Amino acid sequence: MTLVAVALLAVGTYAFRLAGPLLHGRFQPSADMRRLLSVGAAVLLVALLATAALTQGQGFAGWARPAGVLTAAVLAWRKAPFLVIVAAAAVTTALLRLAGVP
């Protein structure tokens, strides 16, 4: 049963990937549809960020991780280099955890 489910997911994934090149010239979404898809993608990314930043297992991840994510978000907004963003987020989280903040 598991093998059948994996095979169906693989076929579905391949079909989605193949649909883009096949429909590229035949389907022109409207401006409203393009805007809606763009907003939908942003909403999904924010939801993923919130879930990863705020939860661990079945509960709240503590305050150190969201503080590190907030530090990274502010530095990304200010257009800091990627390595600076990652290092600052890690240092912020580590220092807060070292200070006893969960």
PDB file of N, CA and C in Angstrom:
ATOM      1  N   MET A   1       0.825  -1.195   0.000  1.00  0.00           N
ATOM      2  CA  MET A   1       0.000   0.000   0.000  1.00  0.00           C
ATOM      3  C   MET A   1       0.873   1.264   0.000  1.00  0.00           C
ATOM      4  N   THR A   2       1.943   1.243   0.786  1.00  0.00           N
ATOM      5  CA  THR A   2       2.834   2.396   0.837  1.00  0.00           C
ATOM      6  C   THR A   2       3.493   2.637  -0.507  1.00  0.00           C
ATOM      7  N   LEU A   3       3.878   1.569  -1.176  1.00  0.00           N
ATOM      8  CA  LEU A   3       4.511   1.698  -2.482  1.00  0.00           C
ATOM      9  C   LEU A   3       3.562   2.324  -3.497  1.00  0.00           C
ATOM     10  N   VAL A   4       2.297   1.981  -3.433  1.00  0.00           N
ATOM     11  CA  VAL A   4       1.302   2.562  -4.342  1.00  0.00           C
ATOM     12  C   VAL A   4       1.152   4.064  -4.059  1.00  0.00           C
ATOM     13  N   ALA A   5       1.100   4.440  -2.794  1.00  0.00           N
ATOM     14  CA  ALA A   5       0.974   5.857  -2.433  1.00  0.00           C
ATOM     15  C   ALA A   5       2.188   6.648  -2.901  1.00  0.00           C
ATOM     16  N   VAL A   6       3.375   6.106  -2.720  1.00  0.00           N
ATOM     17  CA  VAL A   6       4.595   6.786  -3.157  1.00  0.00           C
ATOM     18  C   VAL A   6       4.603   6.919  -4.679  1.00  0.00           C
ATOM     19  N   ALA A   7       4.185   5.875  -5.377  1.00  0.00           N
ATOM     20  CA  ALA A   7       4.139   5.928  -6.842  1.00  0.00           C
ATOM     21  C   ALA A   7       3.135   6.972  -7.325  1.00  0.00           C
ATOM     22  N   LEU A   8       1.965   7.046  -6.690  1.00  0.00           N
ATOM     23  CA  LEU A   8       0.976   8.055  -7.072  1.00  0.00           C
ATOM     24  C   LEU A   8       1.481   9.470  -6.814  1.00  0.00           C
ATOM     25  N   LEU A   9       2.136   9.674  -5.692  1.00  0.00           N
ATOM     26  CA  LEU A   9       2.710  10.992  -5.406  1.00  0.00           C
ATOM     27  C   LEU A   9       3.803  11.344  -6.404  1.00  0.00           C
ATOM     28  N   ALA A  10       4.607  10.369  -6.800  1.00  0.00           N
ATOM     29  CA  ALA A  10       5.661  10.626  -7.777  1.00  0.00           C
ATOM     30  C   ALA A  10       5.070  11.002  -9.130  1.00  0.00           C
ATOM     31  N   VAL A  11       4.039  10.286  -9.560  1.00  0.00           N
ATOM     32  CA  VAL A  11       3.392  10.595 -10.838  1.00  0.00           C
ATOM     33  C   VAL A  11       2.742  11.977 -10.779  1.00  0.00           C
ATOM     34  N   GLY A  12       2.073  12.292  -9.683  1.00  0.00           N
ATOM     35  CA  GLY A  12       1.450  13.608  -9.532  1.00  0.00           C
ATOM     36  C   GLY A  12       2.460  14.732  -9.543  1.00  0.00           C
ATOM     37  N   THR A  13       3.576  14.534  -8.850  1.00  0.00           N
ATOM     38  CA  THR A  13       4.633  15.547  -8.823  1.00  0.00           C
ATOM     39  C   THR A  13       5.213  15.756 -10.216  1.00  0.00           C
ATOM     40  N   TYR A  14       5.459  14.671 -10.923  1.00  0.00           N
ATOM     41  CA  TYR A  14       5.996  14.781 -12.279  1.00  0.00           C
ATOM     42  C   TYR A  14       4.991  15.481 -13.196  1.00  0.00           C
ATOM     43  N   ALA A  15       3.706  15.194 -13.029  1.00  0.00           N
ATOM     44  CA  ALA A  15       2.684  15.839 -13.852  1.00  0.00           C
ATOM     45  C   ALA A  15       2.637  17.344 -13.612  1.00  0.00           C
ATOM     46  N   PHE A  16       2.747  17.764 -12.356  1.00  0.00           N
ATOM     47  CA  PHE A  16       2.785  19.187 -12.055  1.00  0.00           C
ATOM     48  C   PHE A  16       4.011  19.849 -12.673  1.00  0.00           C
ATOM     49  N   ARG A  17       5.149  19.197 -12.600  1.00  0.00           N
ATOM     50  CA  ARG A  17       6.374  19.766 -13.166  1.00  0.00           C
ATOM     51  C   ARG A  17       6.311  19.827 -14.681  1.00  0.00           C
ATOM     52  N   LEU A  18       5.650  18.875 -15.287  1.00  0.00           N
ATOM     53  CA  LEU A  18       5.527  18.829 -16.738  1.00  0.00           C
ATOM     54  C   LEU A  18       4.480  19.815 -17.245  1.00  0.00           C
ATOM     55  N   ALA A  19       3.479  20.123 -16.427  1.00  0.00           N
ATOM     56  CA  ALA A  19       2.402  21.017 -16.854  1.00  0.00           C
ATOM     57  C   ALA A  19       2.911  22.427 -17.160  1.00  0.00           C
ATOM     58  N   GLY A  20       3.890  22.897 -16.422  1.00  0.00           N
ATOM     59  CA  GLY A  20       4.420  24.246 -16.651  1.00  0.00           C
ATOM     60  C   GLY A  20       4.943  24.442 -18.065  1.00  0.00           C
ATOM     61  N   PRO A  21       5.921  23.647 -18.492  1.00  0.00           N
ATOM     62  CA  PRO A  21       6.420  23.814 -19.860  1.00  0.00           C
ATOM     63  C   PRO A  21       5.369  23.525 -20.939  1.00  0.00           C
ATOM     64  N   LEU A  22       4.485  22.576 -20.694  1.00  0.00           N
ATOM     65  CA  LEU A  22       3.484  22.240 -21.706  1.00  0.00           C
ATOM     66  C   LEU A  22       2.426  23.329 -21.872  1.00  0.00           C
ATOM     67  N   LEU A  23       2.058  23.997 -20.789  1.00  0.00           N
ATOM     68  CA  LEU A  23       1.009  25.010 -20.841  1.00  0.00           C
ATOM     69  C   LEU A  23       1.544  26.433 -20.940  1.00  0.00           C
ATOM     70  N   HIS A  24       2.841  26.592 -21.041  1.00  0.00           N
ATOM     71  CA  HIS A  24       3.446  27.923 -21.003  1.00  0.00           C
ATOM     72  C   HIS A  24       2.859  28.865 -22.052  1.00  0.00           C
ATOM     73  N   GLY A  25       2.759  28.451 -23.267  1.00  0.00           N
ATOM     74  CA  GLY A  25       2.262  29.325 -24.319  1.00  0.00           C
ATOM     75  C   GLY A  25       0.757  29.307 -24.483  1.00  0.00           C
ATOM     76  N   ARG A  26       0.068  28.388 -23.849  1.00  0.00           N
ATOM     77  CA  ARG A  26      -1.375  28.220 -24.057  1.00  0.00           C
ATOM     78  C   ARG A  26      -2.235  28.888 -22.998  1.00  0.00           C
ATOM     79  N   PHE A  27      -1.669  29.172 -21.867  1.00  0.00           N
ATOM     80  CA  PHE A  27      -2.461  29.694 -20.752  1.00  0.00           C
ATOM     81  C   PHE A  27      -1.878  31.016 -20.310  1.00  0.00           C
ATOM     82  N   GLN A  28      -2.660  32.068 -20.371  1.00  0.00           N
ATOM     83  CA  GLN A  28      -2.236  33.395 -19.919  1.00  0.00           C
ATOM     84  C   GLN A  28      -3.127  33.825 -18.758  1.00  0.00           C
ATOM     85  N   PRO A  29      -2.627  33.722 -17.533  1.00  0.00           N
ATOM     86  CA  PRO A  29      -3.457  34.141 -16.398  1.00  0.00           C
ATOM     87  C   PRO A  29      -3.677  35.653 -16.424  1.00  0.00           C
ATOM     88  N   SER A  30      -4.804  36.073 -15.929  1.00  0.00           N
ATOM     89  CA  SER A  30      -5.116  37.498 -15.881  1.00  0.00           C
ATOM     90  C   SER A  30      -4.229  38.188 -14.840  1.00  0.00           C
ATOM     91  N   ALA A  31      -4.242  39.503 -14.878  1.00  0.00           N
ATOM     92  CA  ALA A  31      -3.447  40.268 -13.915  1.00  0.00           C
ATOM     93  C   ALA A  31      -3.921  40.002 -12.490  1.00  0.00           C
ATOM     94  N   ASP A  32      -5.242  39.881 -12.316  1.00  0.00           N
ATOM     95  CA  ASP A  32      -5.772  39.584 -10.980  1.00  0.00           C
ATOM     96  C   ASP A  32      -5.319  38.213 -10.498  1.00  0.00           C
ATOM     97  N   MET A  33      -5.304  37.233 -11.399  1.00  0.00           N
ATOM     98  CA  MET A  33      -4.869  35.881 -11.032  1.00  0.00           C
ATOM     99  C   MET A  33      -3.385  35.876 -10.665  1.00  0.00           C
ATOM    100  N   ARG A  34      -2.565  36.600 -11.420  1.00  0.00           N
ATOM    101  CA  ARG A  34      -1.127  36.681 -11.099  1.00  0.00           C
ATOM    102  C   ARG A  34      -0.912  37.325  -9.745  1.00  0.00           C
ATOM    103  N   ARG A  35      -1.664  38.388  -9.456  1.00  0.00           N
ATOM    104  CA  ARG A  35      -1.537  39.049  -8.159  1.00  0.00           C
ATOM    105  C   ARG A  35      -1.975  38.118  -7.036  1.00  0.00           C
ATOM    106  N   LEU A  36      -3.067  37.396  -7.253  1.00  0.00           N
ATOM    107  CA  LEU A  36      -3.569  36.457  -6.254  1.00  0.00           C
ATOM    108  C   LEU A  36      -2.558  35.337  -5.999  1.00  0.00           C
ATOM    109  N   LEU A  37      -1.949  34.812  -7.045  1.00  0.00           N
ATOM    110  CA  LEU A  37      -0.935  33.770  -6.877  1.00  0.00           C
ATOM    111  C   LEU A  37       0.288  34.301  -6.135  1.00  0.00           C
ATOM    112  N   SER A  38       0.670  35.531  -6.425  1.00  0.00           N
ATOM    113  CA  SER A  38       1.815  36.129  -5.731  1.00  0.00           C
ATOM    114  C   SER A  38       1.526  36.313  -4.241  1.00  0.00           C
ATOM    115  N   VAL A  39       0.347  36.810  -3.933  1.00  0.00           N
ATOM    116  CA  VAL A  39      -0.040  36.995  -2.532  1.00  0.00           C
ATOM    117  C   VAL A  39      -0.150  35.642  -1.834  1.00  0.00           C
ATOM    118  N   GLY A  40      -0.710  34.649  -2.531  1.00  0.00           N
ATOM    119  CA  GLY A  40      -0.832  33.312  -1.947  1.00  0.00           C
ATOM    120  C   GLY A  40       0.517  32.698  -1.619  1.00  0.00           C
ATOM    121  N   ALA A  41       1.492  32.888  -2.503  1.00  0.00           N
ATOM    122  CA  ALA A  41       2.833  32.372  -2.241  1.00  0.00           C
ATOM    123  C   ALA A  41       3.449  33.059  -1.017  1.00  0.00           C
ATOM    124  N   ALA A  42       3.252  34.362  -0.908  1.00  0.00           N
ATOM    125  CA  ALA A  42       3.784  35.092   0.246  1.00  0.00           C
ATOM    126  C   ALA A  42       3.125  34.625   1.542  1.00  0.00           C
ATOM    127  N   VAL A  43       1.822  34.399   1.510  1.00  0.00           N
ATOM    128  CA  VAL A  43       1.107  33.933   2.702  1.00  0.00           C
ATOM    129  C   VAL A  43       1.608  32.553   3.132  1.00  0.00           C
ATOM    130  N   LEU A  44       1.824  31.666   2.157  1.00  0.00           N
ATOM    131  CA  LEU A  44       2.344  30.335   2.495  1.00  0.00           C
ATOM    132  C   LEU A  44       3.740  30.420   3.103  1.00  0.00           C
ATOM    133  N   LEU A  45       4.587  31.293   2.571  1.00  0.00           N
ATOM    134  CA  LEU A  45       5.937  31.439   3.137  1.00  0.00           C
ATOM    135  C   LEU A  45       5.893  31.998   4.561  1.00  0.00           C
ATOM    136  N   VAL A  46       5.025  32.960   4.798  1.00  0.00           N
ATOM    137  CA  VAL A  46       4.901  33.516   6.155  1.00  0.00           C
ATOM    138  C   VAL A  46       4.358  32.459   7.119  1.00  0.00           C
ATOM    139  N   ALA A  47       3.403  31.661   6.674  1.00  0.00           N
ATOM    140  CA  ALA A  47       2.866  30.596   7.523  1.00  0.00           C
ATOM    141  C   ALA A  47       3.942  29.568   7.854  1.00  0.00           C
ATOM    142  N   LEU A  48       4.752  29.206   6.871  1.00  0.00           N
ATOM    143  CA  LEU A  48       5.851  28.274   7.115  1.00  0.00           C
ATOM    144  C   LEU A  48       6.868  28.867   8.086  1.00  0.00           C
ATOM    145  N   LEU A  49       7.187  30.131   7.902  1.00  0.00           N
ATOM    146  CA  LEU A  49       8.121  30.803   8.803  1.00  0.00           C
ATOM    147  C   LEU A  49       7.584  30.824  10.226  1.00  0.00           C
ATOM    148  N   ALA A  50       6.318  31.170  10.382  1.00  0.00           N
ATOM    149  CA  ALA A  50       5.729  31.234  11.721  1.00  0.00           C
ATOM    150  C   ALA A  50       5.700  29.865  12.379  1.00  0.00           C
ATOM    151  N   THR A  51       5.346  28.846  11.614  1.00  0.00           N
ATOM    152  CA  THR A  51       5.294  27.495  12.173  1.00  0.00           C
ATOM    153  C   THR A  51       6.678  27.032  12.602  1.00  0.00           C
ATOM    154  N   ALA A  52       7.679  27.266  11.751  1.00  0.00           N
ATOM    155  CA  ALA A  52       9.041  26.831  12.079  1.00  0.00           C
ATOM    156  C   ALA A  52       9.640  27.638  13.227  1.00  0.00           C
ATOM    157  N   ALA A  53       9.296  28.919  13.305  1.00  0.00           N
ATOM    158  CA  ALA A  53       9.891  29.778  14.329  1.00  0.00           C
ATOM    159  C   ALA A  53       9.234  29.622  15.694  1.00  0.00           C
ATOM    160  N   LEU A  54       7.961  29.314  15.711  1.00  0.00           N
ATOM    161  CA  LEU A  54       7.240  29.355  16.975  1.00  0.00           C
ATOM    162  C   LEU A  54       6.950  28.006  17.606  1.00  0.00           C
ATOM    163  N   THR A  55       7.078  26.919  16.862  1.00  0.00           N
ATOM    164  CA  THR A  55       6.722  25.621  17.426  1.00  0.00           C
ATOM    165  C   THR A  55       7.887  24.642  17.368  1.00  0.00           C
ATOM    166  N   GLN A  56       7.863  23.736  18.313  1.00  0.00           N
ATOM    167  CA  GLN A  56       8.810  22.626  18.355  1.00  0.00           C
ATOM    168  C   GLN A  56       8.049  21.434  18.902  1.00  0.00           C
ATOM    169  N   GLY A  57       7.953  20.391  18.118  1.00  0.00           N
ATOM    170  CA  GLY A  57       7.142  19.247  18.524  1.00  0.00           C
ATOM    171  C   GLY A  57       5.689  19.647  18.569  1.00  0.00           C
ATOM    172  N   GLN A  58       5.068  19.505  19.733  1.00  0.00           N
ATOM    173  CA  GLN A  58       3.660  19.834  19.887  1.00  0.00           C
ATOM    174  C   GLN A  58       3.424  21.143  20.628  1.00  0.00           C
ATOM    175  N   GLY A  59       4.499  21.868  20.948  1.00  0.00           N
ATOM    176  CA  GLY A  59       4.314  23.061  21.764  1.00  0.00           C
ATOM    177  C   GLY A  59       5.119  24.257  21.284  1.00  0.00           C
ATOM    178  N   PHE A  60       5.094  25.266  22.119  1.00  0.00           N
ATOM    179  CA  PHE A  60       5.795  26.516  21.841  1.00  0.00           C
ATOM    180  C   PHE A  60       7.299  26.297  21.934  1.00  0.00           C
ATOM    181  N   ALA A  61       8.064  26.892  21.036  1.00  0.00           N
ATOM    182  CA  ALA A  61       9.511  26.674  20.973  1.00  0.00           C
ATOM    183  C   ALA A  61      10.280  27.502  21.993  1.00  0.00           C
ATOM    184  N   GLY A  62       9.647  28.418  22.661  1.00  0.00           N
ATOM    185  CA  GLY A  62      10.344  29.309  23.574  1.00  0.00           C
ATOM    186  C   GLY A  62      10.583  30.647  22.903  1.00  0.00           C
ATOM    187  N   TRP A  63      11.164  31.579  23.644  1.00  0.00           N
ATOM    188  CA  TRP A  63      11.331  32.938  23.133  1.00  0.00           C
ATOM    189  C   TRP A  63      12.645  33.149  22.399  1.00  0.00           C
ATOM    190  N   ALA A  64      13.628  32.295  22.598  1.00  0.00           N
ATOM    191  CA  ALA A  64      14.938  32.503  21.978  1.00  0.00           C
ATOM    192  C   ALA A  64      14.868  32.322  20.462  1.00  0.00           C
ATOM    193  N   ARG A  65      14.194  31.297  19.998  1.00  0.00           N
ATOM    194  CA  ARG A  65      14.124  31.056  18.557  1.00  0.00           C
ATOM    195  C   ARG A  65      13.385  32.177  17.824  1.00  0.00           C
ATOM    196  N   PRO A  66      12.195  32.603  18.283  1.00  0.00           N
ATOM    197  CA  PRO A  66      11.550  33.722  17.595  1.00  0.00           C
ATOM    198  C   PRO A  66      12.381  35.003  17.615  1.00  0.00           C
ATOM    199  N   ALA A  67      13.145  35.220  18.684  1.00  0.00           N
ATOM    200  CA  ALA A  67      14.017  36.397  18.727  1.00  0.00           C
ATOM    201  C   ALA A  67      15.107  36.300  17.660  1.00  0.00           C
ATOM    202  N   GLY A  68      15.668  35.113  17.463  1.00  0.00           N
ATOM    203  CA  GLY A  68      16.659  34.923  16.407  1.00  0.00           C
ATOM    204  C   GLY A  68      16.069  35.123  15.026  1.00  0.00           C
ATOM    205  N   VAL A  69      14.848  34.630  14.822  1.00  0.00           N
ATOM    206  CA  VAL A  69      14.173  34.811  13.532  1.00  0.00           C
ATOM    207  C   VAL A  69      13.863  36.287  13.306  1.00  0.00           C
ATOM    208  N   LEU A  70      13.439  36.990  14.339  1.00  0.00           N
ATOM    209  CA  LEU A  70      13.169  38.420  14.219  1.00  0.00           C
ATOM    210  C   LEU A  70      14.447  39.185  13.885  1.00  0.00           C
ATOM    211  N   THR A  71      15.546  38.811  14.505  1.00  0.00           N
ATOM    212  CA  THR A  71      16.836  39.433  14.184  1.00  0.00           C
ATOM    213  C   THR A  71      17.182  39.215  12.721  1.00  0.00           C
ATOM    214  N   ALA A  72      17.009  37.991  12.247  1.00  0.00           N
ATOM    215  CA  ALA A  72      17.287  37.693  10.846  1.00  0.00           C
ATOM    216  C   ALA A  72      16.371  38.476   9.919  1.00  0.00           C
ATOM    217  N   ALA A  73      15.096  38.592  10.266  1.00  0.00           N
ATOM    218  CA  ALA A  73      14.152  39.316   9.419  1.00  0.00           C
ATOM    219  C   ALA A  73      14.506  40.793   9.320  1.00  0.00           C
ATOM    220  N   VAL A  74      14.883  41.389  10.440  1.00  0.00           N
ATOM    221  CA  VAL A  74      15.259  42.808  10.427  1.00  0.00           C
ATOM    222  C   VAL A  74      16.515  43.011   9.583  1.00  0.00           C
ATOM    223  N   LEU A  75      17.505  42.145   9.739  1.00  0.00           N
ATOM    224  CA  LEU A  75      18.736  42.287   8.955  1.00  0.00           C
ATOM    225  C   LEU A  75      18.486  42.031   7.469  1.00  0.00           C
ATOM    226  N   ALA A  76      17.608  41.092   7.144  1.00  0.00           N
ATOM    227  CA  ALA A  76      17.277  40.851   5.734  1.00  0.00           C
ATOM    228  C   ALA A  76      16.547  42.056   5.148  1.00  0.00           C
ATOM    229  N   TRP A  77      15.671  42.649   5.932  1.00  0.00           N
ATOM    230  CA  TRP A  77      14.952  43.839   5.482  1.00  0.00           C
ATOM    231  C   TRP A  77      15.913  44.998   5.235  1.00  0.00           C
ATOM    232  N   ARG A  78      16.968  45.066   6.044  1.00  0.00           N
ATOM    233  CA  ARG A  78      17.978  46.113   5.886  1.00  0.00           C
ATOM    234  C   ARG A  78      19.027  45.753   4.832  1.00  0.00           C
ATOM    235  N   LYS A  79      18.820  44.608   4.175  1.00  0.00           N
ATOM    236  CA  LYS A  79      19.679  44.125   3.088  1.00  0.00           C
ATOM    237  C   LYS A  79      21.121  43.833   3.528  1.00  0.00           C
ATOM    238  N   ALA A  80      21.244  43.206   4.679  1.00  0.00           N
ATOM    239  CA  ALA A  80      22.561  42.775   5.158  1.00  0.00           C
ATOM    240  C   ALA A  80      22.994  41.536   4.369  1.00  0.00           C
ATOM    241  N   PRO A  81      24.301  41.275   4.313  1.00  0.00           N
ATOM    242  CA  PRO A  81      24.769  40.055   3.637  1.00  0.00           C
ATOM    243  C   PRO A  81      24.231  38.799   4.324  1.00  0.00           C
ATOM    244  N   PHE A  82      24.031  37.753   3.517  1.00  0.00           N
ATOM    245  CA  PHE A  82      23.414  36.524   4.016  1.00  0.00           C
ATOM    246  C   PHE A  82      24.173  35.937   5.205  1.00  0.00           C
ATOM    247  N   LEU A  83      25.484  35.878   5.118  1.00  0.00           N
ATOM    248  CA  LEU A  83      26.267  35.305   6.222  1.00  0.00           C
ATOM    249  C   LEU A  83      26.109  36.106   7.506  1.00  0.00           C
ATOM    250  N   VAL A  84      25.990  37.412   7.387  1.00  0.00           N
ATOM    251  CA  VAL A  84      25.773  38.256   8.569  1.00  0.00           C
ATOM    252  C   VAL A  84      24.410  37.953   9.177  1.00  0.00           C
ATOM    253  N   ILE A  85      23.403  37.771   8.319  1.00  0.00           N
ATOM    254  CA  ILE A  85      22.057  37.465   8.798  1.00  0.00           C
ATOM    255  C   ILE A  85      22.048  36.154   9.574  1.00  0.00           C
ATOM    256  N   VAL A  86      22.638  35.118   8.990  1.00  0.00           N
ATOM    257  CA  VAL A  86      22.636  33.796   9.631  1.00  0.00           C
ATOM    258  C   VAL A  86      23.429  33.830  10.941  1.00  0.00           C
ATOM    259  N   ALA A  87      24.593  34.462  10.913  1.00  0.00           N
ATOM    260  CA  ALA A  87      25.426  34.527  12.116  1.00  0.00           C
ATOM    261  C   ALA A  87      24.731  35.318  13.224  1.00  0.00           C
ATOM    262  N   ALA A  88      24.121  36.441  12.879  1.00  0.00           N
ATOM    263  CA  ALA A  88      23.452  37.257  13.900  1.00  0.00           C
ATOM    264  C   ALA A  88      22.262  36.520  14.506  1.00  0.00           C
ATOM    265  N   ALA A  89      21.512  35.818  13.686  1.00  0.00           N
ATOM    266  CA  ALA A  89      20.377  35.051  14.207  1.00  0.00           C
ATOM    267  C   ALA A  89      20.859  33.948  15.145  1.00  0.00           C
ATOM    268  N   ALA A  90      21.908  33.246  14.738  1.00  0.00           N
ATOM    269  CA  ALA A  90      22.436  32.169  15.575  1.00  0.00           C
ATOM    270  C   ALA A  90      23.001  32.712  16.890  1.00  0.00           C
ATOM    271  N   VAL A  91      23.722  33.813  16.824  1.00  0.00           N
ATOM    272  CA  VAL A  91      24.306  34.404  18.033  1.00  0.00           C
ATOM    273  C   VAL A  91      23.199  34.906  18.964  1.00  0.00           C
ATOM    274  N   THR A  92      22.188  35.546  18.403  1.00  0.00           N
ATOM    275  CA  THR A  92      21.071  36.034  19.225  1.00  0.00           C
ATOM    276  C   THR A  92      20.397  34.884  19.957  1.00  0.00           C
ATOM    277  N   THR A  93      20.094  33.826  19.220  1.00  0.00           N
ATOM    278  CA  THR A  93      19.438  32.673  19.833  1.00  0.00           C
ATOM    279  C   THR A  93      20.336  32.024  20.879  1.00  0.00           C
ATOM    280  N   ALA A  94      21.612  31.857  20.556  1.00  0.00           N
ATOM    281  CA  ALA A  94      22.540  31.211  21.493  1.00  0.00           C
ATOM    282  C   ALA A  94      22.718  32.027  22.768  1.00  0.00           C
ATOM    283  N   LEU A  95      22.858  33.327  22.633  1.00  0.00           N
ATOM    284  CA  LEU A  95      23.039  34.177  23.821  1.00  0.00           C
ATOM    285  C   LEU A  95      21.800  34.165  24.708  1.00  0.00           C
ATOM    286  N   LEU A  96      20.625  34.190  24.095  1.00  0.00           N
ATOM    287  CA  LEU A  96      19.410  34.131  24.898  1.00  0.00           C
ATOM    288  C   LEU A  96      19.268  32.797  25.621  1.00  0.00           C
ATOM    289  N   ARG A  97      19.617  31.719  24.924  1.00  0.00           N
ATOM    290  CA  ARG A  97      19.559  30.402  25.574  1.00  0.00           C
ATOM    291  C   ARG A  97      20.615  30.276  26.664  1.00  0.00           C
ATOM    292  N   LEU A  98      21.783  30.863  26.427  1.00  0.00           N
ATOM    293  CA  LEU A  98      22.840  30.872  27.450  1.00  0.00           C
ATOM    294  C   LEU A  98      22.387  31.644  28.687  1.00  0.00           C
ATOM    295  N   ALA A  99      21.590  32.692  28.458  1.00  0.00           N
ATOM    296  CA  ALA A  99      21.085  33.499  29.572  1.00  0.00           C
ATOM    297  C   ALA A  99      19.909  32.832  30.284  1.00  0.00           C
ATOM    298  N   GLY A 100      19.451  31.687  29.762  1.00  0.00           N
ATOM    299  CA  GLY A 100      18.389  30.955  30.424  1.00  0.00           C
ATOM    300  C   GLY A 100      17.004  31.181  29.834  1.00  0.00           C
ATOM    301  N   VAL A 101      16.939  31.936  28.738  1.00  0.00           N
ATOM    302  CA  VAL A 101      15.638  32.134  28.077  1.00  0.00           C
ATOM    303  C   VAL A 101      15.351  30.890  27.261  1.00  0.00           C
ATOM    304  N   PRO A 102      14.185  30.284  27.459  1.00  0.00           N
ATOM    305  CA  PRO A 102      13.904  29.030  26.720  1.00  0.00           C
ATOM    306  C   PRO A 102      13.693  29.273  25.236  1.00  0.00           C
TER     307      PRO A 102
END
